[in-house]
Amino acid sequence: MAAILTGILMNKRVVSGVTESGPRKGDEWHFLSMEINDMRFGHVWSCQMRGDDPQYDQVLNGDLVGHKVKVTVAAQTAGERKLKDGRTVMQIRSQVTNLKDLGVPEDDDE
């Protein structure tokens, strides 16, 4: 059974690089990094959509920031991340697929 995450897409950016060692040394890679705010629990999820995902180009070129989205969490990893200020923190990264645009959320004050 897959996990489903629904929240507001806060931002997105392309991350790319080259594999430095191992059998895939020299291979280029890229993914779309997205932060999704789970409004129910107030948690921001660090999500990644692989460059070979069938929706990658559509999501990359779509104007989805600020939209409510629903994604399938395909896998998760945890590891250290070095912040710009030099601190190191643990971060959970969620690999996502099957993004559905649920539109701009309505303002609850109206």
N, C-alpha and C. Protein backbone atom coordinates (compact mmCIF):
# COMPACT_ATOMS: atom_id res chain seq x y z
N MET A 1 0.84 -1.17 0.00
CA MET A 1 0.00 0.00 0.00
C MET A 1 0.89 1.25 0.00
N ALA A 2 0.58 2.20 -0.84
CA ALA A 2 1.35 3.44 -0.95
C ALA A 2 0.79 4.50 0.00
N ALA A 3 1.65 5.41 0.41
CA ALA A 3 1.21 6.53 1.24
C ALA A 3 0.82 7.69 0.34
N ILE A 4 -0.17 8.45 0.76
CA ILE A 4 -0.64 9.61 0.03
C ILE A 4 -0.39 10.85 0.87
N LEU A 5 0.15 11.90 0.25
CA LEU A 5 0.40 13.17 0.91
C LEU A 5 -0.39 14.24 0.18
N THR A 6 -1.17 15.02 0.92
CA THR A 6 -1.92 16.14 0.36
C THR A 6 -1.51 17.40 1.11
N GLY A 7 -1.17 18.45 0.36
CA GLY A 7 -0.77 19.70 0.99
C GLY A 7 -0.54 20.79 -0.04
N ILE A 8 0.00 21.90 0.43
CA ILE A 8 0.25 23.06 -0.43
C ILE A 8 1.69 23.00 -0.93
N LEU A 9 1.88 23.09 -2.24
CA LEU A 9 3.22 23.12 -2.82
C LEU A 9 3.83 24.49 -2.55
N MET A 10 4.83 24.53 -1.69
CA MET A 10 5.43 25.79 -1.26
C MET A 10 6.48 26.30 -2.25
N ASN A 11 7.28 25.39 -2.81
CA ASN A 11 8.28 25.78 -3.80
C ASN A 11 8.77 24.55 -4.53
N LYS A 12 9.48 24.79 -5.62
CA LYS A 12 10.07 23.70 -6.39
C LYS A 12 11.32 24.22 -7.09
N ARG A 13 12.30 23.34 -7.25
CA ARG A 13 13.52 23.71 -7.94
C ARG A 13 14.18 22.45 -8.48
N VAL A 14 14.95 22.61 -9.54
CA VAL A 14 15.68 21.50 -10.13
C VAL A 14 17.00 21.32 -9.39
N VAL A 15 17.32 20.08 -9.08
CA VAL A 15 18.60 19.72 -8.49
C VAL A 15 19.25 18.73 -9.45
N SER A 16 20.54 18.96 -9.78
CA SER A 16 21.21 18.07 -10.72
C SER A 16 22.67 17.89 -10.32
N GLY A 17 23.28 16.87 -10.87
CA GLY A 17 24.68 16.60 -10.58
C GLY A 17 25.19 15.44 -11.40
N VAL A 18 26.38 14.97 -11.03
CA VAL A 18 27.02 13.85 -11.71
C VAL A 18 27.44 12.85 -10.64
N THR A 19 27.18 11.57 -10.88
CA THR A 19 27.60 10.53 -9.95
C THR A 19 29.11 10.48 -9.92
N GLU A 20 29.69 10.55 -8.71
CA GLU A 20 31.13 10.67 -8.57
C GLU A 20 31.87 9.35 -8.42
N SER A 21 31.17 8.29 -8.00
CA SER A 21 31.85 7.01 -7.82
C SER A 21 30.88 5.86 -8.07
N GLY A 22 31.42 4.66 -8.10
CA GLY A 22 30.60 3.47 -8.28
C GLY A 22 30.39 3.14 -9.74
N PRO A 23 29.55 2.15 -9.99
CA PRO A 23 29.34 1.69 -11.38
C PRO A 23 28.69 2.72 -12.29
N ARG A 24 28.03 3.72 -11.71
CA ARG A 24 27.37 4.76 -12.52
C ARG A 24 28.19 6.05 -12.56
N LYS A 25 29.47 5.96 -12.21
CA LYS A 25 30.35 7.14 -12.19
C LYS A 25 30.27 7.87 -13.52
N GLY A 26 30.08 9.19 -13.44
CA GLY A 26 30.00 10.01 -14.65
C GLY A 26 28.59 10.21 -15.18
N ASP A 27 27.64 9.42 -14.68
CA ASP A 27 26.25 9.57 -15.13
C ASP A 27 25.66 10.86 -14.56
N GLU A 28 24.97 11.61 -15.40
CA GLU A 28 24.27 12.81 -14.94
C GLU A 28 22.92 12.41 -14.37
N TRP A 29 22.47 13.15 -13.36
CA TRP A 29 21.16 12.91 -12.75
C TRP A 29 20.50 14.24 -12.45
N HIS A 30 19.19 14.21 -12.33
CA HIS A 30 18.44 15.40 -11.94
C HIS A 30 17.09 14.98 -11.34
N PHE A 31 16.59 15.83 -10.48
CA PHE A 31 15.27 15.61 -9.92
C PHE A 31 14.67 16.97 -9.58
N LEU A 32 13.37 16.97 -9.35
CA LEU A 32 12.66 18.17 -8.96
C LEU A 32 12.46 18.12 -7.45
N SER A 33 13.03 19.08 -6.74
CA SER A 33 12.90 19.18 -5.30
C SER A 33 11.68 20.06 -5.00
N MET A 34 10.80 19.57 -4.13
CA MET A 34 9.58 20.31 -3.80
C MET A 34 9.36 20.25 -2.29
N GLU A 35 8.85 21.33 -1.74
CA GLU A 35 8.43 21.32 -0.35
C GLU A 35 6.91 21.40 -0.34
N ILE A 36 6.30 20.43 0.34
CA ILE A 36 4.84 20.37 0.42
C ILE A 36 4.44 20.51 1.88
N ASN A 37 3.60 21.50 2.17
CA ASN A 37 3.14 21.77 3.52
C ASN A 37 1.85 21.01 3.78
N ASP A 38 1.93 20.03 4.67
CA ASP A 38 0.76 19.26 5.09
C ASP A 38 -0.04 20.14 6.06
N MET A 39 -1.05 20.80 5.56
CA MET A 39 -1.79 21.78 6.34
C MET A 39 -2.49 21.17 7.56
N ARG A 40 -2.82 19.91 7.50
CA ARG A 40 -3.52 19.27 8.62
C ARG A 40 -2.65 19.19 9.87
N PHE A 41 -1.37 18.80 9.68
CA PHE A 41 -0.47 18.63 10.82
C PHE A 41 0.61 19.71 10.89
N GLY A 42 0.68 20.58 9.87
CA GLY A 42 1.64 21.67 9.88
C GLY A 42 3.08 21.27 9.62
N HIS A 43 3.29 20.14 8.99
CA HIS A 43 4.64 19.65 8.71
C HIS A 43 4.99 19.95 7.24
N VAL A 44 6.23 20.38 7.00
CA VAL A 44 6.71 20.60 5.63
C VAL A 44 7.52 19.37 5.22
N TRP A 45 7.10 18.75 4.13
CA TRP A 45 7.74 17.54 3.62
C TRP A 45 8.72 17.91 2.51
N SER A 46 9.94 17.38 2.59
CA SER A 46 10.93 17.54 1.52
C SER A 46 10.71 16.42 0.52
N CYS A 47 10.23 16.78 -0.66
CA CYS A 47 9.85 15.78 -1.66
C CYS A 47 10.73 15.90 -2.90
N GLN A 48 10.91 14.78 -3.57
CA GLN A 48 11.70 14.75 -4.78
C GLN A 48 10.96 13.94 -5.84
N MET A 49 10.90 14.50 -7.05
CA MET A 49 10.35 13.76 -8.19
C MET A 49 11.51 13.47 -9.14
N ARG A 50 11.74 12.20 -9.40
CA ARG A 50 12.86 11.79 -10.24
C ARG A 50 12.75 12.37 -11.65
N GLY A 51 13.90 12.62 -12.24
CA GLY A 51 13.95 13.16 -13.59
C GLY A 51 13.37 12.24 -14.64
N ASP A 52 13.31 10.93 -14.34
CA ASP A 52 12.73 9.98 -15.30
C ASP A 52 11.27 9.67 -15.02
N ASP A 53 10.66 10.41 -14.07
CA ASP A 53 9.23 10.23 -13.80
C ASP A 53 8.44 10.72 -15.01
N PRO A 54 7.39 9.99 -15.42
CA PRO A 54 6.61 10.40 -16.60
C PRO A 54 6.01 11.81 -16.49
N GLN A 55 5.78 12.31 -15.28
CA GLN A 55 5.19 13.63 -15.09
C GLN A 55 6.23 14.74 -14.91
N TYR A 56 7.51 14.40 -14.90
CA TYR A 56 8.55 15.37 -14.55
C TYR A 56 8.43 16.68 -15.34
N ASP A 57 8.39 16.63 -16.65
CA ASP A 57 8.34 17.85 -17.48
C ASP A 57 7.07 18.65 -17.21
N GLN A 58 5.95 17.96 -17.06
CA GLN A 58 4.67 18.62 -16.80
C GLN A 58 4.72 19.36 -15.47
N VAL A 59 5.24 18.73 -14.43
CA VAL A 59 5.30 19.35 -13.11
C VAL A 59 6.35 20.47 -13.11
N LEU A 60 7.48 20.25 -13.77
CA LEU A 60 8.53 21.27 -13.86
C LEU A 60 7.99 22.54 -14.50
N ASN A 61 7.25 22.40 -15.58
CA ASN A 61 6.77 23.56 -16.33
C ASN A 61 5.42 24.09 -15.85
N GLY A 62 4.76 23.38 -14.95
CA GLY A 62 3.46 23.81 -14.46
C GLY A 62 3.59 24.89 -13.39
N ASP A 63 2.61 25.77 -13.35
CA ASP A 63 2.56 26.84 -12.36
C ASP A 63 1.79 26.33 -11.15
N LEU A 64 2.46 25.51 -10.33
CA LEU A 64 1.78 24.81 -9.24
C LEU A 64 2.08 25.37 -7.86
N VAL A 65 3.04 26.27 -7.73
CA VAL A 65 3.38 26.81 -6.42
C VAL A 65 2.16 27.53 -5.85
N GLY A 66 1.80 27.21 -4.61
CA GLY A 66 0.61 27.76 -3.97
C GLY A 66 -0.63 26.91 -4.17
N HIS A 67 -0.53 25.89 -5.02
CA HIS A 67 -1.67 25.01 -5.27
C HIS A 67 -1.69 23.87 -4.24
N LYS A 68 -2.88 23.37 -3.98
CA LYS A 68 -3.03 22.17 -3.20
C LYS A 68 -2.75 21.00 -4.14
N VAL A 69 -1.88 20.09 -3.72
CA VAL A 69 -1.52 18.94 -4.54
C VAL A 69 -1.67 17.66 -3.73
N LYS A 70 -1.81 16.58 -4.45
CA LYS A 70 -1.87 15.25 -3.85
C LYS A 70 -0.83 14.40 -4.56
N VAL A 71 0.06 13.75 -3.80
CA VAL A 71 1.12 12.93 -4.40
C VAL A 71 1.14 11.56 -3.75
N THR A 72 1.68 10.60 -4.47
CA THR A 72 1.94 9.27 -3.93
C THR A 72 3.39 9.23 -3.47
N VAL A 73 3.61 8.84 -2.22
CA VAL A 73 4.96 8.70 -1.69
C VAL A 73 5.44 7.30 -2.06
N ALA A 74 6.45 7.24 -2.96
CA ALA A 74 6.94 5.95 -3.45
C ALA A 74 8.04 5.38 -2.57
N ALA A 75 8.83 6.24 -1.93
CA ALA A 75 9.93 5.79 -1.08
C ALA A 75 10.36 6.93 -0.17
N GLN A 76 11.05 6.59 0.91
CA GLN A 76 11.60 7.60 1.81
C GLN A 76 13.01 7.21 2.23
N THR A 77 13.86 8.23 2.41
CA THR A 77 15.20 8.04 2.94
C THR A 77 15.44 9.10 3.99
N ALA A 78 16.38 8.84 4.86
CA ALA A 78 16.78 9.82 5.86
C ALA A 78 18.29 9.95 5.82
N GLY A 79 18.78 11.17 5.98
CA GLY A 79 20.21 11.39 5.98
C GLY A 79 20.55 12.78 6.45
N GLU A 80 21.83 12.99 6.67
CA GLU A 80 22.28 14.30 7.13
C GLU A 80 22.26 15.30 5.98
N ARG A 81 21.98 16.54 6.35
CA ARG A 81 21.99 17.64 5.39
C ARG A 81 22.72 18.80 6.05
N LYS A 82 23.67 19.38 5.33
CA LYS A 82 24.41 20.52 5.85
C LYS A 82 23.71 21.80 5.42
N LEU A 83 23.35 22.64 6.38
CA LEU A 83 22.67 23.89 6.11
C LEU A 83 23.68 24.98 5.75
N LYS A 84 23.18 26.06 5.16
CA LYS A 84 24.04 27.17 4.75
C LYS A 84 24.82 27.77 5.92
N ASP A 85 24.23 27.71 7.12
CA ASP A 85 24.91 28.29 8.29
C ASP A 85 25.92 27.32 8.91
N GLY A 86 26.15 26.16 8.27
CA GLY A 86 27.15 25.21 8.74
C GLY A 86 26.61 24.11 9.63
N ARG A 87 25.38 24.25 10.12
CA ARG A 87 24.80 23.20 10.96
C ARG A 87 24.46 21.97 10.12
N THR A 88 24.50 20.82 10.77
CA THR A 88 24.09 19.58 10.13
C THR A 88 22.83 19.08 10.82
N VAL A 89 21.80 18.74 10.03
CA VAL A 89 20.54 18.25 10.57
C VAL A 89 20.14 16.97 9.84
N MET A 90 19.32 16.16 10.50
CA MET A 90 18.76 14.98 9.83
C MET A 90 17.55 15.42 9.02
N GLN A 91 17.42 14.86 7.84
CA GLN A 91 16.29 15.22 6.98
C GLN A 91 15.70 13.96 6.36
N ILE A 92 14.38 13.89 6.35
CA ILE A 92 13.67 12.81 5.66
C ILE A 92 13.31 13.33 4.28
N ARG A 93 13.65 12.56 3.27
CA ARG A 93 13.33 12.91 1.89
C ARG A 93 12.32 11.89 1.36
N SER A 94 11.26 12.40 0.74
CA SER A 94 10.21 11.53 0.21
C SER A 94 10.22 11.58 -1.30
N GLN A 95 10.42 10.43 -1.93
CA GLN A 95 10.35 10.35 -3.39
C GLN A 95 8.88 10.23 -3.75
N VAL A 96 8.40 11.16 -4.60
CA VAL A 96 6.97 11.19 -4.92
C VAL A 96 6.73 11.01 -6.41
N THR A 97 5.53 10.60 -6.71
CA THR A 97 5.09 10.40 -8.08
C THR A 97 3.58 10.64 -8.12
N ASN A 98 2.99 10.58 -9.30
CA ASN A 98 1.54 10.66 -9.46
C ASN A 98 0.96 11.94 -8.84
N LEU A 99 1.55 13.10 -9.18
CA LEU A 99 1.09 14.37 -8.64
C LEU A 99 -0.24 14.77 -9.28
N LYS A 100 -1.19 15.15 -8.45
CA LYS A 100 -2.48 15.65 -8.92
C LYS A 100 -2.64 17.08 -8.42
N ASP A 101 -2.96 18.00 -9.32
CA ASP A 101 -3.19 19.40 -8.98
C ASP A 101 -4.63 19.54 -8.51
N LEU A 102 -4.83 19.96 -7.26
CA LEU A 102 -6.17 20.14 -6.70
C LEU A 102 -6.59 21.60 -6.71
N GLY A 103 -5.79 22.46 -7.36
CA GLY A 103 -6.16 23.85 -7.52
C GLY A 103 -5.71 24.75 -6.38
N VAL A 104 -6.02 26.02 -6.52
CA VAL A 104 -5.68 27.01 -5.50
C VAL A 104 -6.67 26.86 -4.36
N PRO A 105 -6.16 26.70 -3.12
CA PRO A 105 -7.09 26.54 -1.99
C PRO A 105 -7.91 27.81 -1.75
N GLU A 106 -9.14 27.60 -1.30
CA GLU A 106 -10.00 28.74 -1.00
C GLU A 106 -9.57 29.37 0.32
N ASP A 107 -9.74 30.66 0.43
CA ASP A 107 -9.42 31.39 1.65
C ASP A 107 -10.54 31.14 2.67
N ASP A 108 -10.17 30.62 3.84
CA ASP A 108 -11.17 30.29 4.87
C ASP A 108 -11.83 31.53 5.47
N ASP A 109 -11.24 32.72 5.28
CA ASP A 109 -11.79 33.95 5.88
C ASP A 109 -12.95 34.54 5.09
N GLU A 110 -13.17 34.05 3.91
CA GLU A 110 -14.24 34.63 3.06
C GLU A 110 -15.55 33.97 3.31
